[in-house]
């Protein structure tokens, strides 16, 4: 699949790619390098981003609903106003010890998904938020490492 002159495929090197407002619904970007990519307002519904490098990617307003993000590196990614509803942040096959190998400063967010009662884990150290970000009741974003713009 080709989008904005970029070949969209597993393990693609899309570092710094301009994918602003791109239609990437159900795209297989597993293991892809999307570091510093412009994904503002991109449609990533049900996209497979398993193990993708999203370091410093700009996902402002992107639709990541039902996306597969397990193992993705979101360090300093801008997720302001992004839709992460029903996104899969933790695959059942990933051993718990994978999360404990991270630095001691890494914080975890536990959210309950609507309906299923499934606990999902996300690392938020270095994630960005603003005054419009909505948090689950009782959650302390600063303690979880969120940076406010």
C-alpha atoms as a PDB file:
ATOM      1  CA  UNK A   1       0.000   0.000   0.000  1.00  0.00           C
ATOM      2  CA  UNK A   2       1.349   3.431  -0.902  1.00  0.00           C
ATOM      3  CA  UNK A   3       0.295   6.590   0.979  1.00  0.00           C
ATOM      4  CA  UNK A   4       1.679  10.086   0.299  1.00  0.00           C
ATOM      5  CA  UNK A   5       4.526   8.553  -1.765  1.00  0.00           C
ATOM      6  CA  UNK A   6       5.548   6.278   1.147  1.00  0.00           C
ATOM      7  CA  UNK A   7       5.454   2.497   0.991  1.00  0.00           C
ATOM      8  CA  UNK A   8       3.326   1.379   3.960  1.00  0.00           C
ATOM      9  CA  UNK A   9       4.442  -2.075   5.053  1.00  0.00           C
ATOM     10  CA  UNK A  10       5.778  -3.952   8.084  1.00  0.00           C
ATOM     11  CA  UNK A  11       9.237  -2.768   9.240  1.00  0.00           C
ATOM     12  CA  UNK A  12       9.157   0.219   6.858  1.00  0.00           C
ATOM     13  CA  UNK A  13      11.557   3.081   7.593  1.00  0.00           C
ATOM     14  CA  UNK A  14       9.218   6.076   7.797  1.00  0.00           C
ATOM     15  CA  UNK A  15      11.321   8.168  10.162  1.00  0.00           C
ATOM     16  CA  UNK A  16      10.333  11.819   9.729  1.00  0.00           C
ATOM     17  CA  UNK A  17       7.657  10.950   7.144  1.00  0.00           C
ATOM     18  CA  UNK A  18       4.928  13.511   6.418  1.00  0.00           C
ATOM     19  CA  UNK A  19       1.771  11.455   6.886  1.00  0.00           C
ATOM     20  CA  UNK A  20      -0.422  14.382   7.947  1.00  0.00           C
ATOM     21  CA  UNK A  21      -4.130  13.480   7.687  1.00  0.00           C
ATOM     22  CA  UNK A  22      -3.268  10.170   5.971  1.00  0.00           C
ATOM     23  CA  UNK A  23      -5.687   7.288   5.625  1.00  0.00           C
ATOM     24  CA  UNK A  24      -3.878   4.408   7.317  1.00  0.00           C
ATOM     25  CA  UNK A  25      -6.914   2.456   8.468  1.00  0.00           C
ATOM     26  CA  UNK A  26      -5.948  -1.215   9.038  1.00  0.00           C
ATOM     27  CA  UNK A  27      -2.385  -0.545   7.810  1.00  0.00           C
ATOM     28  CA  UNK A  28       0.250  -3.096   8.828  1.00  0.00           C
ATOM     29  CA  UNK A  29       3.063  -0.988  10.279  1.00  0.00           C
ATOM     30  CA  UNK A  30       4.299  -3.619  12.716  1.00  0.00           C
ATOM     31  CA  UNK A  31       7.945  -3.009  13.562  1.00  0.00           C
ATOM     32  CA  UNK A  32       8.010   0.148  11.426  1.00  0.00           C
ATOM     33  CA  UNK A  33      10.228   3.121  12.258  1.00  0.00           C
ATOM     34  CA  UNK A  34       7.863   6.103  12.553  1.00  0.00           C
ATOM     35  CA  UNK A  35      10.150   8.163  14.772  1.00  0.00           C
ATOM     36  CA  UNK A  36       9.538  11.907  14.350  1.00  0.00           C
ATOM     37  CA  UNK A  37       6.827  11.188  11.746  1.00  0.00           C
ATOM     38  CA  UNK A  38       4.028  13.721  11.264  1.00  0.00           C
ATOM     39  CA  UNK A  39       0.873  11.695  11.883  1.00  0.00           C
ATOM     40  CA  UNK A  40      -1.321  14.657  12.854  1.00  0.00           C
ATOM     41  CA  UNK A  41      -5.000  13.788  12.269  1.00  0.00           C
ATOM     42  CA  UNK A  42      -4.035  10.462  10.658  1.00  0.00           C
ATOM     43  CA  UNK A  43      -6.662   7.719  10.487  1.00  0.00           C
ATOM     44  CA  UNK A  44      -4.986   4.727  12.149  1.00  0.00           C
ATOM     45  CA  UNK A  45      -8.172   2.846  13.074  1.00  0.00           C
ATOM     46  CA  UNK A  46      -7.304  -0.843  13.582  1.00  0.00           C
ATOM     47  CA  UNK A  47      -3.732  -0.217  12.389  1.00  0.00           C
ATOM     48  CA  UNK A  48      -1.122  -2.785  13.424  1.00  0.00           C
ATOM     49  CA  UNK A  49       1.680  -0.859  15.158  1.00  0.00           C
ATOM     50  CA  UNK A  50       2.994  -3.832  17.125  1.00  0.00           C
ATOM     51  CA  UNK A  51       6.573  -3.012  18.161  1.00  0.00           C
ATOM     52  CA  UNK A  52       6.661   0.169  16.071  1.00  0.00           C
ATOM     53  CA  UNK A  53       9.095   2.985  16.854  1.00  0.00           C
ATOM     54  CA  UNK A  54       6.931   6.076  17.462  1.00  0.00           C
ATOM     55  CA  UNK A  55       9.579   8.048  19.373  1.00  0.00           C
ATOM     56  CA  UNK A  56       8.800  11.774  19.070  1.00  0.00           C
ATOM     57  CA  UNK A  57       6.067  11.074  16.502  1.00  0.00           C
ATOM     58  CA  UNK A  58       3.376  13.738  16.295  1.00  0.00           C
ATOM     59  CA  UNK A  59       0.045  11.927  16.677  1.00  0.00           C
ATOM     60  CA  UNK A  60      -1.950  15.042  17.593  1.00  0.00           C
ATOM     61  CA  UNK A  61      -5.618  14.338  16.870  1.00  0.00           C
ATOM     62  CA  UNK A  62      -4.854  10.956  15.277  1.00  0.00           C
ATOM     63  CA  UNK A  63      -7.507   8.249  15.435  1.00  0.00           C
ATOM     64  CA  UNK A  64      -5.870   5.164  16.957  1.00  0.00           C
ATOM     65  CA  UNK A  65      -9.084   3.459  18.014  1.00  0.00           C
ATOM     66  CA  UNK A  66      -8.742  -0.328  18.057  1.00  0.00           C
ATOM     67  CA  UNK A  67      -5.092   0.026  16.948  1.00  0.00           C
ATOM     68  CA  UNK A  68      -2.588  -2.608  18.038  1.00  0.00           C
ATOM     69  CA  UNK A  69       0.133  -0.728  19.948  1.00  0.00           C
ATOM     70  CA  UNK A  70       1.654  -3.484  22.090  1.00  0.00           C
ATOM     71  CA  UNK A  71       5.407  -3.078  22.356  1.00  0.00           C
ATOM     72  CA  UNK A  72       5.350   0.249  20.502  1.00  0.00           C
ATOM     73  CA  UNK A  73       7.794   2.872  21.775  1.00  0.00           C
ATOM     74  CA  UNK A  74       5.833   6.087  22.366  1.00  0.00           C
ATOM     75  CA  UNK A  75       8.613   7.993  24.158  1.00  0.00           C
ATOM     76  CA  UNK A  76       7.924  11.729  23.835  1.00  0.00           C
ATOM     77  CA  UNK A  77       5.238  11.089  21.225  1.00  0.00           C
ATOM     78  CA  UNK A  78       2.559  13.775  21.094  1.00  0.00           C
ATOM     79  CA  UNK A  79      -0.765  12.033  21.749  1.00  0.00           C
ATOM     80  CA  UNK A  80      -2.722  15.210  22.512  1.00  0.00           C
ATOM     81  CA  UNK A  81      -6.347  14.826  21.427  1.00  0.00           C
ATOM     82  CA  UNK A  82      -5.599  11.403  19.942  1.00  0.00           C
ATOM     83  CA  UNK A  83      -8.391   8.823  20.070  1.00  0.00           C
ATOM     84  CA  UNK A  84      -7.058   5.706  21.812  1.00  0.00           C
ATOM     85  CA  UNK A  85     -10.438   4.108  22.504  1.00  0.00           C
ATOM     86  CA  UNK A  86     -10.166   0.319  22.590  1.00  0.00           C
ATOM     87  CA  UNK A  87      -6.508   0.491  21.511  1.00  0.00           C
ATOM     88  CA  UNK A  88      -4.620  -2.680  22.406  1.00  0.00           C
ATOM     89  CA  UNK A  89      -1.609  -1.573  24.440  1.00  0.00           C
ATOM     90  CA  UNK A  90      -0.667  -4.962  25.851  1.00  0.00           C
ATOM     91  CA  UNK A  91      -0.780  -8.286  24.048  1.00  0.00           C
ATOM     92  CA  UNK A  92      -1.678 -11.263  26.195  1.00  0.00           C
ATOM     93  CA  UNK A  93       1.410 -13.095  24.941  1.00  0.00           C
ATOM     94  CA  UNK A  94       3.903 -10.496  26.165  1.00  0.00           C
ATOM     95  CA  UNK A  95       5.455 -11.616  29.453  1.00  0.00           C
ATOM     96  CA  UNK A  96       5.042  -9.261  32.393  1.00  0.00           C
ATOM     97  CA  UNK A  97       8.806  -9.127  32.954  1.00  0.00           C
ATOM     98  CA  UNK A  98       9.185  -7.188  29.693  1.00  0.00           C
ATOM     99  CA  UNK A  99       7.709  -4.191  31.480  1.00  0.00           C
ATOM    100  CA  UNK A 100      10.003  -4.533  34.491  1.00  0.00           C
ATOM    101  CA  UNK A 101      13.150  -4.270  32.364  1.00  0.00           C
ATOM    102  CA  UNK A 102      12.432  -0.589  31.782  1.00  0.00           C
ATOM    103  CA  UNK A 103      14.144   2.079  33.856  1.00  0.00           C
ATOM    104  CA  UNK A 104      12.918   2.572  37.416  1.00  0.00           C
ATOM    105  CA  UNK A 105      11.477   5.957  36.447  1.00  0.00           C
ATOM    106  CA  UNK A 106       8.965   4.431  34.021  1.00  0.00           C
ATOM    107  CA  UNK A 107       5.426   4.835  35.271  1.00  0.00           C
ATOM    108  CA  UNK A 108       2.388   2.764  34.420  1.00  0.00           C
ATOM    109  CA  UNK A 109      -1.190   3.719  33.770  1.00  0.00           C
ATOM    110  CA  UNK A 110      -3.860   1.136  34.472  1.00  0.00           C
ATOM    111  CA  UNK A 111      -7.143   1.802  32.720  1.00  0.00           C
ATOM    112  CA  UNK A 112     -10.255  -0.273  32.625  1.00  0.00           C
ATOM    113  CA  UNK A 113     -11.669  -0.758  29.194  1.00  0.00           C
ATOM    114  CA  UNK A 114     -15.368  -0.161  28.900  1.00  0.00           C
ATOM    115  CA  UNK A 115     -17.479  -3.293  29.114  1.00  0.00           C
ATOM    116  CA  UNK A 116     -14.844  -6.001  29.446  1.00  0.00           C
ATOM    117  CA  UNK A 117     -13.120  -5.021  32.677  1.00  0.00           C
ATOM    118  CA  UNK A 118      -9.763  -5.759  31.039  1.00  0.00           C
ATOM    119  CA  UNK A 119      -6.779  -4.037  32.588  1.00  0.00           C
ATOM    120  CA  UNK A 120      -4.522  -2.359  30.032  1.00  0.00           C
ATOM    121  CA  UNK A 121      -1.015  -1.100  30.756  1.00  0.00           C
ATOM    122  CA  UNK A 122       0.674   1.877  29.111  1.00  0.00           C
ATOM    123  CA  UNK A 123       3.988   3.614  29.746  1.00  0.00           C
ATOM    124  CA  UNK A 124       3.424   7.363  29.842  1.00  0.00           C
ATOM    125  CA  UNK A 125       6.852   8.705  30.806  1.00  0.00           C
ATOM    126  CA  UNK A 126       7.447  11.627  28.463  1.00  0.00           C
ATOM    127  CA  UNK A 127       3.918  11.615  27.010  1.00  0.00           C
ATOM    128  CA  UNK A 128       2.418  15.050  26.348  1.00  0.00           C
ATOM    129  CA  UNK A 129      -0.982  16.325  27.464  1.00  0.00           C
ATOM    130  CA  UNK A 130      -2.772  19.635  27.734  1.00  0.00           C
ATOM    131  CA  UNK A 131      -5.574  21.119  29.816  1.00  0.00           C
ATOM    132  CA  UNK A 132      -8.187  19.368  27.630  1.00  0.00           C
ATOM    133  CA  UNK A 133      -6.885  15.847  28.260  1.00  0.00           C
ATOM    134  CA  UNK A 134      -9.430  13.701  30.123  1.00  0.00           C
ATOM    135  CA  UNK A 135      -8.077  11.239  32.718  1.00  0.00           C
ATOM    136  CA  UNK A 136      -9.758   8.336  34.520  1.00  0.00           C
ATOM    137  CA  UNK A 137     -11.047   9.179  37.986  1.00  0.00           C
ATOM    138  CA  UNK A 138      -8.298   8.972  40.599  1.00  0.00           C
ATOM    139  CA  UNK A 139      -5.436   8.948  38.076  1.00  0.00           C
ATOM    140  CA  UNK A 140      -2.451  11.249  38.732  1.00  0.00           C
ATOM    141  CA  UNK A 141      -0.908  12.079  35.323  1.00  0.00           C
ATOM    142  CA  UNK A 142       2.094  13.917  36.796  1.00  0.00           C
ATOM    143  CA  UNK A 143       2.995  10.893  38.917  1.00  0.00           C
ATOM    144  CA  UNK A 144       2.779   8.788  35.732  1.00  0.00           C
ATOM    145  CA  UNK A 145       5.350  10.986  33.971  1.00  0.00           C
ATOM    146  CA  UNK A 146       3.040  12.965  31.693  1.00  0.00           C
ATOM    147  CA  UNK A 147       4.451  16.304  30.480  1.00  0.00           C
ATOM    148  CA  UNK A 148       1.981  19.170  30.215  1.00  0.00           C
ATOM    149  CA  UNK A 149       2.330  21.595  27.293  1.00  0.00           C
END
